[in-house]
Amino acid sequence: MLISDAHRLLFIHVPKTGGVTVETVVREGADDLRDLGPRRHPRLRWVLQQEPALVDYWTFGFVRNPWSRMVSWWSMIDRWNHRLGPASGKPQVEQDGPRGGNPLWRAVAAYADFEEFVLRGTVEHERLATPQVDFLATPRRRADHIGRTERLAADLAVVQRRLGLPETEPPRRNTWSVGPWQDFYDDRTRQRVAEVYAKDVAEFGYTFG
């Protein structure tokens, strides 16, 4: 989450939707950025409870195909827990592995595979079972601009124009999954994601495939 009072702008960072790339662009256009504490991924509802005046700020965030998003999420955590180091091409640091990171990552480290991540994780961890639209809408307020990771450059250009930045191709950050995400699924995991993220499927028209 980032706030610019000078631009009257609020960015809600939905996990695993290209948010690190978005933050990079926002930091190029605003030098007064702040947040509301340690939460990196708060929902809009929580933000407005903490600071009601932000309700009038231009608010935006991004969403992603939920099936693709779950694969990206699992791939990031799995590599962080087990595969970082010289073979990964990413340097391993002291905070990597099951003793580092955040509580969700440490808990997921106990899961055997992607199937368990989807079937068990979405029961045991609220963050894994929270529809993306719930980050970006309240009963009385909805983000002014909801971009999509699948068309990141075009939808991020709206933000660049808002900040007076040139419309340049955004840098890619935090990319983890390898190969077609569809290959990770069987019938049970595919259906479970459809159930958990039914609101996103209905709201944004996402499909498997």
N, C-alpha and C. Protein backbone atom coordinates (compact mmCIF):
# COMPACT_ATOMS: atom_id res chain seq x y z
N MET A 1 0.83 -1.19 0.00
CA MET A 1 0.00 0.00 0.00
C MET A 1 0.87 1.24 0.00
N LEU A 2 0.52 2.23 -0.81
CA LEU A 2 1.23 3.49 -0.85
C LEU A 2 0.22 4.63 -0.93
N ILE A 3 0.56 5.72 -0.26
CA ILE A 3 -0.29 6.92 -0.25
C ILE A 3 0.56 8.10 -0.69
N SER A 4 0.04 8.91 -1.60
CA SER A 4 0.65 10.18 -1.96
C SER A 4 -0.37 11.28 -1.68
N ASP A 5 -0.08 12.11 -0.70
CA ASP A 5 -0.99 13.22 -0.39
C ASP A 5 -0.90 14.31 -1.46
N ALA A 6 0.28 14.49 -2.02
CA ALA A 6 0.45 15.51 -3.06
C ALA A 6 -0.40 15.19 -4.29
N HIS A 7 -0.46 13.91 -4.64
CA HIS A 7 -1.25 13.50 -5.81
C HIS A 7 -2.64 12.99 -5.42
N ARG A 8 -2.93 12.97 -4.14
CA ARG A 8 -4.21 12.45 -3.65
C ARG A 8 -4.47 11.07 -4.26
N LEU A 9 -3.52 10.18 -4.02
CA LEU A 9 -3.50 8.86 -4.65
C LEU A 9 -3.30 7.79 -3.60
N LEU A 10 -4.00 6.67 -3.76
CA LEU A 10 -3.90 5.53 -2.85
C LEU A 10 -3.78 4.26 -3.67
N PHE A 11 -2.69 3.53 -3.45
CA PHE A 11 -2.48 2.25 -4.12
C PHE A 11 -2.70 1.12 -3.13
N ILE A 12 -3.65 0.23 -3.44
CA ILE A 12 -3.91 -0.97 -2.66
C ILE A 12 -3.20 -2.13 -3.32
N HIS A 13 -2.25 -2.74 -2.62
CA HIS A 13 -1.41 -3.79 -3.17
C HIS A 13 -2.03 -5.16 -2.88
N VAL A 14 -2.73 -5.71 -3.84
CA VAL A 14 -3.26 -7.07 -3.73
C VAL A 14 -2.10 -8.04 -3.94
N PRO A 15 -1.90 -9.03 -3.06
CA PRO A 15 -0.76 -9.93 -3.21
C PRO A 15 -0.73 -10.64 -4.56
N LYS A 16 0.47 -10.74 -5.11
CA LYS A 16 0.74 -11.51 -6.33
C LYS A 16 -0.03 -11.00 -7.55
N THR A 17 -0.05 -9.68 -7.72
CA THR A 17 -0.70 -9.09 -8.90
C THR A 17 0.22 -8.09 -9.60
N GLY A 18 1.52 -8.24 -9.43
CA GLY A 18 2.46 -7.30 -10.05
C GLY A 18 2.68 -6.06 -9.22
N GLY A 19 2.37 -6.12 -7.94
CA GLY A 19 2.42 -4.94 -7.10
C GLY A 19 3.81 -4.35 -6.92
N VAL A 20 4.86 -5.17 -6.93
CA VAL A 20 6.21 -4.64 -6.79
C VAL A 20 6.56 -3.79 -8.01
N THR A 21 6.14 -4.23 -9.19
CA THR A 21 6.34 -3.43 -10.39
C THR A 21 5.57 -2.13 -10.30
N VAL A 22 4.33 -2.19 -9.85
CA VAL A 22 3.51 -0.99 -9.71
C VAL A 22 4.15 -0.02 -8.73
N GLU A 23 4.62 -0.54 -7.61
CA GLU A 23 5.26 0.33 -6.61
C GLU A 23 6.48 1.03 -7.21
N THR A 24 7.24 0.34 -8.02
CA THR A 24 8.41 0.94 -8.65
C THR A 24 8.01 2.15 -9.49
N VAL A 25 6.93 2.02 -10.24
CA VAL A 25 6.45 3.12 -11.08
C VAL A 25 5.92 4.27 -10.22
N VAL A 26 5.15 3.95 -9.19
CA VAL A 26 4.60 4.99 -8.34
C VAL A 26 5.72 5.79 -7.67
N ARG A 27 6.78 5.12 -7.26
CA ARG A 27 7.89 5.81 -6.60
C ARG A 27 8.62 6.74 -7.56
N GLU A 28 8.54 6.45 -8.85
CA GLU A 28 9.14 7.36 -9.84
C GLU A 28 8.38 8.67 -9.94
N GLY A 29 7.08 8.62 -9.66
CA GLY A 29 6.24 9.80 -9.89
C GLY A 29 5.84 10.56 -8.64
N ALA A 30 6.12 10.01 -7.47
CA ALA A 30 5.71 10.67 -6.23
C ALA A 30 6.84 10.55 -5.20
N ASP A 31 7.21 11.68 -4.61
CA ASP A 31 8.31 11.66 -3.63
C ASP A 31 7.83 11.88 -2.21
N ASP A 32 6.52 11.79 -1.99
CA ASP A 32 5.98 12.00 -0.65
C ASP A 32 5.26 10.76 -0.13
N LEU A 33 5.65 9.59 -0.60
CA LEU A 33 4.90 8.38 -0.32
C LEU A 33 4.98 7.98 1.15
N ARG A 34 3.88 7.45 1.64
CA ARG A 34 3.80 6.96 3.00
C ARG A 34 2.85 5.77 3.05
N ASP A 35 2.82 5.10 4.20
CA ASP A 35 1.86 4.02 4.40
C ASP A 35 1.23 4.19 5.77
N LEU A 36 0.52 3.16 6.22
CA LEU A 36 -0.18 3.25 7.50
C LEU A 36 0.31 2.20 8.49
N GLY A 37 1.57 1.84 8.38
CA GLY A 37 2.10 0.87 9.33
C GLY A 37 2.65 -0.36 8.67
N PRO A 38 2.80 -1.43 9.43
CA PRO A 38 3.52 -2.62 8.93
C PRO A 38 2.76 -3.46 7.92
N ARG A 39 1.46 -3.27 7.80
CA ARG A 39 0.70 -4.11 6.85
C ARG A 39 1.04 -3.71 5.42
N ARG A 40 1.55 -4.68 4.66
CA ARG A 40 1.88 -4.39 3.27
C ARG A 40 0.67 -4.56 2.35
N HIS A 41 -0.25 -5.44 2.74
CA HIS A 41 -1.39 -5.76 1.88
C HIS A 41 -2.72 -5.53 2.60
N PRO A 42 -2.97 -4.35 3.12
CA PRO A 42 -4.26 -4.13 3.78
C PRO A 42 -5.38 -3.97 2.76
N ARG A 43 -6.59 -4.28 3.20
CA ARG A 43 -7.75 -4.06 2.34
C ARG A 43 -8.15 -2.59 2.40
N LEU A 44 -8.84 -2.15 1.36
CA LEU A 44 -9.32 -0.78 1.32
C LEU A 44 -10.19 -0.47 2.53
N ARG A 45 -10.99 -1.41 2.95
CA ARG A 45 -11.86 -1.20 4.11
C ARG A 45 -11.05 -0.82 5.35
N TRP A 46 -9.96 -1.54 5.60
CA TRP A 46 -9.11 -1.27 6.75
C TRP A 46 -8.45 0.09 6.64
N VAL A 47 -7.96 0.40 5.45
CA VAL A 47 -7.29 1.69 5.23
C VAL A 47 -8.23 2.85 5.55
N LEU A 48 -9.46 2.76 5.09
CA LEU A 48 -10.41 3.85 5.31
C LEU A 48 -10.85 3.92 6.76
N GLN A 49 -10.81 2.80 7.46
CA GLN A 49 -11.09 2.84 8.89
C GLN A 49 -10.00 3.59 9.65
N GLN A 50 -8.76 3.42 9.20
CA GLN A 50 -7.64 4.09 9.86
C GLN A 50 -7.58 5.57 9.52
N GLU A 51 -7.91 5.90 8.30
CA GLU A 51 -7.80 7.29 7.83
C GLU A 51 -8.96 7.59 6.88
N PRO A 52 -10.11 7.95 7.42
CA PRO A 52 -11.32 8.14 6.61
C PRO A 52 -11.17 9.18 5.50
N ALA A 53 -10.30 10.16 5.67
CA ALA A 53 -10.16 11.21 4.65
C ALA A 53 -9.64 10.67 3.32
N LEU A 54 -9.04 9.48 3.34
CA LEU A 54 -8.53 8.89 2.10
C LEU A 54 -9.65 8.43 1.17
N VAL A 55 -10.87 8.47 1.63
CA VAL A 55 -11.99 8.04 0.80
C VAL A 55 -12.09 8.86 -0.48
N ASP A 56 -11.58 10.09 -0.45
CA ASP A 56 -11.65 10.96 -1.64
C ASP A 56 -10.42 10.87 -2.52
N TYR A 57 -9.44 10.06 -2.15
CA TYR A 57 -8.24 9.91 -2.96
C TYR A 57 -8.52 8.98 -4.15
N TRP A 58 -7.82 9.25 -5.24
CA TRP A 58 -7.91 8.36 -6.41
C TRP A 58 -7.26 7.04 -6.04
N THR A 59 -8.04 5.99 -6.03
CA THR A 59 -7.62 4.70 -5.50
C THR A 59 -7.52 3.68 -6.62
N PHE A 60 -6.46 2.88 -6.58
CA PHE A 60 -6.30 1.88 -7.63
C PHE A 60 -5.59 0.64 -7.09
N GLY A 61 -5.71 -0.44 -7.85
CA GLY A 61 -5.04 -1.70 -7.55
C GLY A 61 -5.13 -2.60 -8.77
N PHE A 62 -4.53 -3.77 -8.66
CA PHE A 62 -4.52 -4.72 -9.77
C PHE A 62 -5.03 -6.08 -9.31
N VAL A 63 -5.60 -6.82 -10.26
CA VAL A 63 -6.05 -8.19 -10.02
C VAL A 63 -5.43 -9.09 -11.07
N ARG A 64 -5.63 -10.39 -10.88
CA ARG A 64 -4.99 -11.38 -11.75
C ARG A 64 -5.87 -12.62 -11.85
N ASN A 65 -5.77 -13.32 -12.96
CA ASN A 65 -6.47 -14.60 -13.08
C ASN A 65 -6.17 -15.44 -11.84
N PRO A 66 -7.19 -15.85 -11.08
CA PRO A 66 -6.94 -16.52 -9.80
C PRO A 66 -6.19 -17.84 -9.91
N TRP A 67 -6.37 -18.57 -11.01
CA TRP A 67 -5.64 -19.83 -11.17
C TRP A 67 -4.15 -19.55 -11.41
N SER A 68 -3.86 -18.59 -12.25
CA SER A 68 -2.48 -18.19 -12.48
C SER A 68 -1.86 -17.62 -11.21
N ARG A 69 -2.63 -16.84 -10.50
CA ARG A 69 -2.13 -16.20 -9.27
C ARG A 69 -1.71 -17.22 -8.22
N MET A 70 -2.51 -18.27 -8.04
CA MET A 70 -2.18 -19.28 -7.04
C MET A 70 -0.89 -20.02 -7.40
N VAL A 71 -0.66 -20.27 -8.67
CA VAL A 71 0.58 -20.92 -9.09
C VAL A 71 1.77 -20.00 -8.81
N SER A 72 1.62 -18.74 -9.13
CA SER A 72 2.70 -17.79 -8.87
C SER A 72 3.00 -17.69 -7.39
N TRP A 73 1.96 -17.68 -6.58
CA TRP A 73 2.11 -17.58 -5.12
C TRP A 73 2.86 -18.80 -4.59
N TRP A 74 2.40 -19.99 -5.00
CA TRP A 74 3.05 -21.22 -4.56
C TRP A 74 4.51 -21.27 -5.03
N SER A 75 4.75 -20.91 -6.27
CA SER A 75 6.11 -20.99 -6.82
C SER A 75 7.06 -20.07 -6.05
N MET A 76 6.59 -18.88 -5.70
CA MET A 76 7.41 -17.95 -4.94
C MET A 76 7.77 -18.52 -3.57
N ILE A 77 6.77 -19.03 -2.86
CA ILE A 77 7.01 -19.54 -1.51
C ILE A 77 7.84 -20.81 -1.55
N ASP A 78 7.55 -21.69 -2.51
CA ASP A 78 8.28 -22.95 -2.61
C ASP A 78 9.75 -22.71 -2.89
N ARG A 79 10.04 -21.81 -3.81
CA ARG A 79 11.44 -21.51 -4.12
C ARG A 79 12.12 -20.83 -2.94
N TRP A 80 11.41 -19.99 -2.27
CA TRP A 80 11.98 -19.31 -1.09
C TRP A 80 12.32 -20.31 0.00
N ASN A 81 11.48 -21.32 0.16
CA ASN A 81 11.70 -22.31 1.22
C ASN A 81 12.75 -23.35 0.87
N HIS A 82 12.80 -23.75 -0.39
CA HIS A 82 13.58 -24.95 -0.73
C HIS A 82 14.61 -24.77 -1.83
N ARG A 83 14.43 -23.81 -2.69
CA ARG A 83 15.21 -23.85 -3.93
C ARG A 83 16.12 -22.65 -4.15
N LEU A 84 16.13 -21.70 -3.24
CA LEU A 84 16.99 -20.55 -3.44
C LEU A 84 18.45 -20.95 -3.30
N GLY A 85 19.30 -20.20 -3.95
CA GLY A 85 20.71 -20.52 -3.92
C GLY A 85 21.29 -20.46 -5.32
N PRO A 86 22.49 -20.94 -5.54
CA PRO A 86 23.15 -20.80 -6.84
C PRO A 86 22.36 -21.37 -8.00
N ALA A 87 21.67 -22.50 -7.80
CA ALA A 87 20.95 -23.12 -8.92
C ALA A 87 19.75 -22.30 -9.36
N SER A 88 19.22 -21.46 -8.49
CA SER A 88 18.02 -20.69 -8.82
C SER A 88 18.33 -19.41 -9.57
N GLY A 89 19.59 -18.99 -9.52
CA GLY A 89 19.92 -17.71 -10.12
C GLY A 89 19.61 -16.53 -9.23
N LYS A 90 19.09 -16.80 -8.02
CA LYS A 90 18.78 -15.74 -7.07
C LYS A 90 19.60 -16.00 -5.80
N PRO A 91 20.25 -14.98 -5.27
CA PRO A 91 21.09 -15.20 -4.09
C PRO A 91 20.26 -15.55 -2.87
N GLN A 92 20.73 -16.50 -2.10
CA GLN A 92 20.06 -16.86 -0.86
C GLN A 92 20.59 -15.98 0.26
N VAL A 93 19.69 -15.52 1.12
CA VAL A 93 20.06 -14.66 2.23
C VAL A 93 19.60 -15.30 3.52
N GLU A 94 20.00 -14.71 4.64
CA GLU A 94 19.73 -15.31 5.94
C GLU A 94 18.24 -15.48 6.19
N GLN A 95 17.43 -14.58 5.63
CA GLN A 95 15.99 -14.63 5.90
C GLN A 95 15.27 -15.66 5.05
N ASP A 96 15.95 -16.29 4.09
CA ASP A 96 15.31 -17.32 3.28
C ASP A 96 15.11 -18.59 4.10
N GLY A 97 14.20 -19.44 3.64
CA GLY A 97 13.98 -20.72 4.30
C GLY A 97 12.90 -20.66 5.36
N PRO A 98 12.52 -21.80 5.93
CA PRO A 98 11.38 -21.91 6.83
C PRO A 98 11.47 -21.06 8.09
N ARG A 99 12.66 -20.58 8.45
CA ARG A 99 12.78 -19.77 9.66
C ARG A 99 12.65 -18.27 9.38
N GLY A 100 12.62 -17.91 8.13
CA GLY A 100 12.52 -16.50 7.77
C GLY A 100 11.13 -16.14 7.29
N GLY A 101 11.05 -15.04 6.53
CA GLY A 101 9.79 -14.67 5.91
C GLY A 101 8.71 -14.28 6.89
N ASN A 102 7.45 -14.44 6.44
CA ASN A 102 6.32 -14.08 7.28
C ASN A 102 5.59 -15.34 7.75
N PRO A 103 4.64 -15.22 8.67
CA PRO A 103 3.98 -16.42 9.21
C PRO A 103 3.32 -17.30 8.15
N LEU A 104 2.71 -16.68 7.14
CA LEU A 104 2.09 -17.48 6.08
C LEU A 104 3.12 -18.33 5.37
N TRP A 105 4.23 -17.74 5.00
CA TRP A 105 5.25 -18.48 4.28
C TRP A 105 5.81 -19.61 5.13
N ARG A 106 6.00 -19.36 6.41
CA ARG A 106 6.53 -20.42 7.29
C ARG A 106 5.53 -21.56 7.42
N ALA A 107 4.24 -21.23 7.51
CA ALA A 107 3.22 -22.27 7.62
C ALA A 107 3.13 -23.10 6.34
N VAL A 108 3.18 -22.43 5.21
CA VAL A 108 3.06 -23.12 3.93
C VAL A 108 4.28 -23.99 3.67
N ALA A 109 5.39 -23.70 4.32
CA ALA A 109 6.58 -24.52 4.14
C ALA A 109 6.34 -25.98 4.52
N ALA A 110 5.34 -26.22 5.35
CA ALA A 110 5.03 -27.59 5.77
C ALA A 110 4.22 -28.36 4.73
N TYR A 111 3.70 -27.69 3.71
CA TYR A 111 2.88 -28.35 2.70
C TYR A 111 3.76 -29.12 1.72
N ALA A 112 3.27 -30.27 1.32
CA ALA A 112 4.07 -31.15 0.47
C ALA A 112 4.16 -30.67 -0.96
N ASP A 113 3.07 -30.06 -1.47
CA ASP A 113 3.05 -29.73 -2.88
C ASP A 113 1.96 -28.70 -3.16
N PHE A 114 1.79 -28.37 -4.44
CA PHE A 114 0.82 -27.37 -4.85
C PHE A 114 -0.60 -27.79 -4.51
N GLU A 115 -0.89 -29.08 -4.65
CA GLU A 115 -2.23 -29.56 -4.32
C GLU A 115 -2.59 -29.25 -2.87
N GLU A 116 -1.68 -29.50 -1.96
CA GLU A 116 -1.94 -29.21 -0.55
C GLU A 116 -2.05 -27.72 -0.31
N PHE A 117 -1.24 -26.96 -1.00
CA PHE A 117 -1.30 -25.49 -0.91
C PHE A 117 -2.70 -24.99 -1.24
N VAL A 118 -3.30 -25.53 -2.30
CA VAL A 118 -4.63 -25.08 -2.71
C VAL A 118 -5.72 -25.65 -1.82
N LEU A 119 -5.71 -26.96 -1.61
CA LEU A 119 -6.81 -27.61 -0.91
C LEU A 119 -6.78 -27.34 0.60
N ARG A 120 -5.62 -27.39 1.18
CA ARG A 120 -5.49 -27.17 2.62
C ARG A 120 -5.26 -25.69 2.96
N GLY A 121 -4.43 -25.04 2.15
CA GLY A 121 -4.08 -23.66 2.43
C GLY A 121 -5.26 -22.72 2.41
N THR A 122 -6.19 -22.92 1.50
CA THR A 122 -7.35 -22.03 1.40
C THR A 122 -8.36 -22.27 2.51
N VAL A 123 -8.17 -23.32 3.29
CA VAL A 123 -8.99 -23.57 4.48
C VAL A 123 -8.32 -23.00 5.72
N GLU A 124 -7.01 -23.14 5.80
CA GLU A 124 -6.29 -22.79 7.01
C GLU A 124 -5.83 -21.33 7.07
N HIS A 125 -5.73 -20.67 5.92
CA HIS A 125 -5.16 -19.32 5.90
C HIS A 125 -6.10 -18.35 5.17
N GLU A 126 -6.58 -17.38 5.90
CA GLU A 126 -7.55 -16.44 5.34
C GLU A 126 -6.99 -15.71 4.13
N ARG A 127 -5.71 -15.35 4.17
CA ARG A 127 -5.15 -14.59 3.06
C ARG A 127 -5.24 -15.36 1.75
N LEU A 128 -5.04 -16.67 1.81
CA LEU A 128 -5.11 -17.49 0.59
C LEU A 128 -6.54 -17.67 0.10
N ALA A 129 -7.51 -17.36 0.94
CA ALA A 129 -8.92 -17.58 0.58
C ALA A 129 -9.68 -16.27 0.40
N THR A 130 -8.97 -15.15 0.34
CA THR A 130 -9.63 -13.85 0.22
C THR A 130 -9.74 -13.44 -1.24
N PRO A 131 -10.94 -13.29 -1.78
CA PRO A 131 -11.08 -12.82 -3.16
C PRO A 131 -10.39 -11.47 -3.35
N GLN A 132 -9.83 -11.27 -4.51
CA GLN A 132 -9.10 -10.04 -4.77
C GLN A 132 -10.00 -8.81 -4.71
N VAL A 133 -11.22 -8.97 -5.16
CA VAL A 133 -12.13 -7.82 -5.16
C VAL A 133 -12.39 -7.32 -3.74
N ASP A 134 -12.23 -8.18 -2.74
CA ASP A 134 -12.44 -7.76 -1.35
C ASP A 134 -11.36 -6.80 -0.88
N PHE A 135 -10.20 -6.82 -1.52
CA PHE A 135 -9.16 -5.84 -1.20
C PHE A 135 -9.51 -4.46 -1.73
N LEU A 136 -10.29 -4.41 -2.78
CA LEU A 136 -10.44 -3.19 -3.57
C LEU A 136 -11.81 -2.55 -3.48
N ALA A 137 -12.70 -3.12 -2.70
CA ALA A 137 -14.06 -2.59 -2.62
C ALA A 137 -14.61 -2.73 -1.21
N THR A 138 -15.43 -1.78 -0.84
CA THR A 138 -16.19 -1.81 0.40
C THR A 138 -17.65 -1.63 0.00
N PRO A 139 -18.57 -1.77 0.95
CA PRO A 139 -19.98 -1.55 0.58
C PRO A 139 -20.25 -0.16 0.02
N ARG A 140 -19.39 0.82 0.36
CA ARG A 140 -19.65 2.20 -0.06
C ARG A 140 -18.59 2.78 -0.98
N ARG A 141 -17.51 2.06 -1.21
CA ARG A 141 -16.40 2.62 -1.99
C ARG A 141 -15.72 1.51 -2.76
N ARG A 142 -15.38 1.81 -3.98
CA ARG A 142 -14.70 0.87 -4.85
C ARG A 142 -13.51 1.59 -5.47
N ALA A 143 -12.43 0.86 -5.69
CA ALA A 143 -11.27 1.47 -6.33
C ALA A 143 -11.66 2.13 -7.65
N ASP A 144 -11.09 3.28 -7.92
CA ASP A 144 -11.41 4.02 -9.14
C ASP A 144 -10.84 3.34 -10.39
N HIS A 145 -9.73 2.66 -10.22
CA HIS A 145 -9.08 1.98 -11.35
C HIS A 145 -8.62 0.61 -10.89
N ILE A 146 -9.16 -0.44 -11.50
CA ILE A 146 -8.73 -1.81 -11.22
C ILE A 146 -8.08 -2.36 -12.48
N GLY A 147 -6.77 -2.42 -12.46
CA GLY A 147 -6.05 -2.95 -13.60
C GLY A 147 -5.91 -4.45 -13.52
N ARG A 148 -5.38 -5.02 -14.57
CA ARG A 148 -5.18 -6.47 -14.62
C ARG A 148 -3.73 -6.78 -14.94
N THR A 149 -3.19 -7.74 -14.24
CA THR A 149 -1.82 -8.15 -14.47
C THR A 149 -1.62 -8.62 -15.91
N GLU A 150 -2.65 -9.21 -16.50
CA GLU A 150 -2.55 -9.74 -17.86
C GLU A 150 -2.34 -8.63 -18.89
N ARG A 151 -2.70 -7.42 -18.57
CA ARG A 151 -2.47 -6.29 -19.47
C ARG A 151 -1.79 -5.16 -18.67
N LEU A 152 -0.74 -5.54 -17.98
CA LEU A 152 -0.10 -4.66 -17.02
C LEU A 152 0.35 -3.34 -17.63
N ALA A 153 1.01 -3.39 -18.77
CA ALA A 153 1.54 -2.16 -19.37
C ALA A 153 0.43 -1.17 -19.69
N ALA A 154 -0.63 -1.64 -20.32
CA ALA A 154 -1.72 -0.74 -20.71
C ALA A 154 -2.44 -0.17 -19.50
N ASP A 155 -2.69 -1.00 -18.50
CA ASP A 155 -3.43 -0.52 -17.33
C ASP A 155 -2.56 0.30 -16.40
N LEU A 156 -1.26 0.03 -16.39
CA LEU A 156 -0.36 0.85 -15.59
C LEU A 156 -0.11 2.21 -16.24
N ALA A 157 -0.31 2.28 -17.55
CA ALA A 157 -0.18 3.57 -18.24
C ALA A 157 -1.18 4.59 -17.69
N VAL A 158 -2.34 4.12 -17.24
CA VAL A 158 -3.33 5.02 -16.63
C VAL A 158 -2.73 5.68 -15.38
N VAL A 159 -2.00 4.90 -14.61
CA VAL A 159 -1.35 5.42 -13.40
C VAL A 159 -0.21 6.36 -13.78
N GLN A 160 0.57 5.99 -14.78
CA GLN A 160 1.66 6.85 -15.22
C GLN A 160 1.15 8.21 -15.66
N ARG A 161 0.06 8.24 -16.39
CA ARG A 161 -0.52 9.52 -16.81
C ARG A 161 -0.98 10.32 -15.60
N ARG A 162 -1.56 9.63 -14.65
CA ARG A 162 -2.05 10.30 -13.43
C ARG A 162 -0.89 10.99 -12.69
N LEU A 163 0.28 10.38 -12.72
CA LEU A 163 1.45 10.91 -12.03
C LEU A 163 2.30 11.82 -12.91
N GLY A 164 1.88 12.01 -14.15
CA GLY A 164 2.65 12.86 -15.06
C GLY A 164 3.92 12.20 -15.57
N LEU A 165 3.93 10.87 -15.61
CA LEU A 165 5.09 10.12 -16.08
C LEU A 165 4.91 9.73 -17.54
N PRO A 166 6.00 9.53 -18.26
CA PRO A 166 5.88 8.99 -19.63
C PRO A 166 5.37 7.56 -19.59
N GLU A 167 4.66 7.17 -20.62
CA GLU A 167 4.11 5.82 -20.69
C GLU A 167 5.17 4.87 -21.22
N THR A 168 5.96 4.33 -20.31
CA THR A 168 7.03 3.42 -20.68
C THR A 168 6.68 2.00 -20.25
N GLU A 169 7.32 1.02 -20.87
CA GLU A 169 7.11 -0.38 -20.51
C GLU A 169 7.57 -0.59 -19.07
N PRO A 170 6.70 -1.16 -18.21
CA PRO A 170 7.07 -1.31 -16.81
C PRO A 170 8.12 -2.39 -16.62
N PRO A 171 8.99 -2.23 -15.63
CA PRO A 171 9.97 -3.30 -15.33
C PRO A 171 9.26 -4.49 -14.73
N ARG A 172 9.78 -5.67 -14.98
CA ARG A 172 9.20 -6.89 -14.41
C ARG A 172 9.92 -7.21 -13.10
N ARG A 173 9.14 -7.42 -12.05
CA ARG A 173 9.70 -7.70 -10.74
C ARG A 173 8.99 -8.91 -10.14
N ASN A 174 9.73 -9.67 -9.33
CA ASN A 174 9.12 -10.75 -8.54
C ASN A 174 8.43 -11.81 -9.39
N THR A 175 9.03 -12.21 -10.49
CA THR A 175 8.47 -13.27 -11.32
C THR A 175 9.09 -14.59 -10.88
N TRP A 176 8.23 -15.58 -10.60
CA TRP A 176 8.72 -16.80 -9.98
C TRP A 176 8.31 -18.08 -10.71
N SER A 177 7.10 -18.18 -11.21
CA SER A 177 6.62 -19.44 -11.77
C SER A 177 7.30 -19.72 -13.12
N VAL A 178 7.43 -21.00 -13.41
CA VAL A 178 8.07 -21.44 -14.64
C VAL A 178 7.12 -22.40 -15.35
N GLY A 179 6.93 -22.21 -16.66
CA GLY A 179 6.09 -23.11 -17.43
C GLY A 179 4.61 -22.73 -17.34
N PRO A 180 3.77 -23.38 -18.14
CA PRO A 180 2.34 -23.06 -18.15
C PRO A 180 1.70 -23.33 -16.79
N TRP A 181 1.00 -22.35 -16.25
CA TRP A 181 0.38 -22.54 -14.94
C TRP A 181 -0.71 -23.59 -14.97
N GLN A 182 -1.34 -23.81 -16.13
CA GLN A 182 -2.40 -24.81 -16.23
C GLN A 182 -1.91 -26.21 -15.87
N ASP A 183 -0.61 -26.45 -16.09
CA ASP A 183 -0.06 -27.79 -15.85
C ASP A 183 -0.01 -28.15 -14.37
N PHE A 184 -0.17 -27.18 -13.49
CA PHE A 184 -0.13 -27.45 -12.06
C PHE A 184 -1.43 -28.07 -11.54
N TYR A 185 -2.49 -28.01 -12.33
CA TYR A 185 -3.82 -28.31 -11.81
C TYR A 185 -4.32 -29.69 -12.18
N ASP A 186 -5.14 -30.24 -11.26
CA ASP A 186 -6.00 -31.37 -11.57
C ASP A 186 -7.44 -30.91 -11.33
N ASP A 187 -8.39 -31.81 -11.46
CA ASP A 187 -9.79 -31.40 -11.36
C ASP A 187 -10.12 -30.81 -9.99
N ARG A 188 -9.56 -31.41 -8.93
CA ARG A 188 -9.90 -30.94 -7.58
C ARG A 188 -9.35 -29.55 -7.30
N THR A 189 -8.09 -29.32 -7.64
CA THR A 189 -7.51 -28.01 -7.37
C THR A 189 -8.12 -26.93 -8.26
N ARG A 190 -8.42 -27.30 -9.49
CA ARG A 190 -9.06 -26.34 -10.39
C ARG A 190 -10.42 -25.91 -9.84
N GLN A 191 -11.21 -26.86 -9.36
CA GLN A 191 -12.53 -26.55 -8.83
C GLN A 191 -12.44 -25.77 -7.53
N ARG A 192 -11.45 -26.10 -6.71
CA ARG A 192 -11.31 -25.40 -5.44
C ARG A 192 -11.02 -23.91 -5.65
N VAL A 193 -10.15 -23.59 -6.58
CA VAL A 193 -9.87 -22.19 -6.89
C VAL A 193 -11.11 -21.50 -7.42
N ALA A 194 -11.88 -22.20 -8.25
CA ALA A 194 -13.12 -21.62 -8.77
C ALA A 194 -14.09 -21.29 -7.63
N GLU A 195 -14.15 -22.13 -6.63
CA GLU A 195 -15.05 -21.91 -5.50
C GLU A 195 -14.56 -20.76 -4.61
N VAL A 196 -13.28 -20.80 -4.27
CA VAL A 196 -12.73 -19.79 -3.36
C VAL A 196 -12.79 -18.40 -3.98
N TYR A 197 -12.51 -18.33 -5.26
CA TYR A 197 -12.44 -17.03 -5.94
C TYR A 197 -13.63 -16.80 -6.87
N ALA A 198 -14.76 -17.33 -6.46
CA ALA A 198 -15.98 -17.17 -7.28
C ALA A 198 -16.33 -15.70 -7.49
N LYS A 199 -16.10 -14.87 -6.50
CA LYS A 199 -16.40 -13.44 -6.64
C LYS A 199 -15.52 -12.79 -7.71
N ASP A 200 -14.25 -13.17 -7.77
CA ASP A 200 -13.36 -12.63 -8.80
C ASP A 200 -13.75 -13.13 -10.18
N VAL A 201 -14.11 -14.40 -10.25
CA VAL A 201 -14.53 -14.97 -11.54
C VAL A 201 -15.76 -14.24 -12.06
N ALA A 202 -16.71 -14.00 -11.16
CA ALA A 202 -17.93 -13.31 -11.57
C ALA A 202 -17.68 -11.83 -11.89
N GLU A 203 -16.85 -11.19 -11.09
CA GLU A 203 -16.60 -9.76 -11.23
C GLU A 203 -15.78 -9.42 -12.46
N PHE A 204 -14.76 -10.24 -12.74
CA PHE A 204 -13.80 -9.90 -13.78
C PHE A 204 -13.82 -10.84 -14.98
N GLY A 205 -14.66 -11.87 -14.93
CA GLY A 205 -14.82 -12.75 -16.08
C GLY A 205 -13.66 -13.69 -16.33
N TYR A 206 -12.89 -14.00 -15.30
CA TYR A 206 -11.76 -14.89 -15.48
C TYR A 206 -12.22 -16.33 -15.71
N THR A 207 -11.45 -17.05 -16.50
CA THR A 207 -11.72 -18.46 -16.78
C THR A 207 -10.41 -19.24 -16.67
N PHE A 208 -10.52 -20.53 -16.55
CA PHE A 208 -9.35 -21.41 -16.57
C PHE A 208 -9.01 -21.69 -18.02
N GLY A 209 -7.80 -21.29 -18.42
CA GLY A 209 -7.41 -21.58 -19.80
C GLY A 209 -6.89 -20.34 -20.51
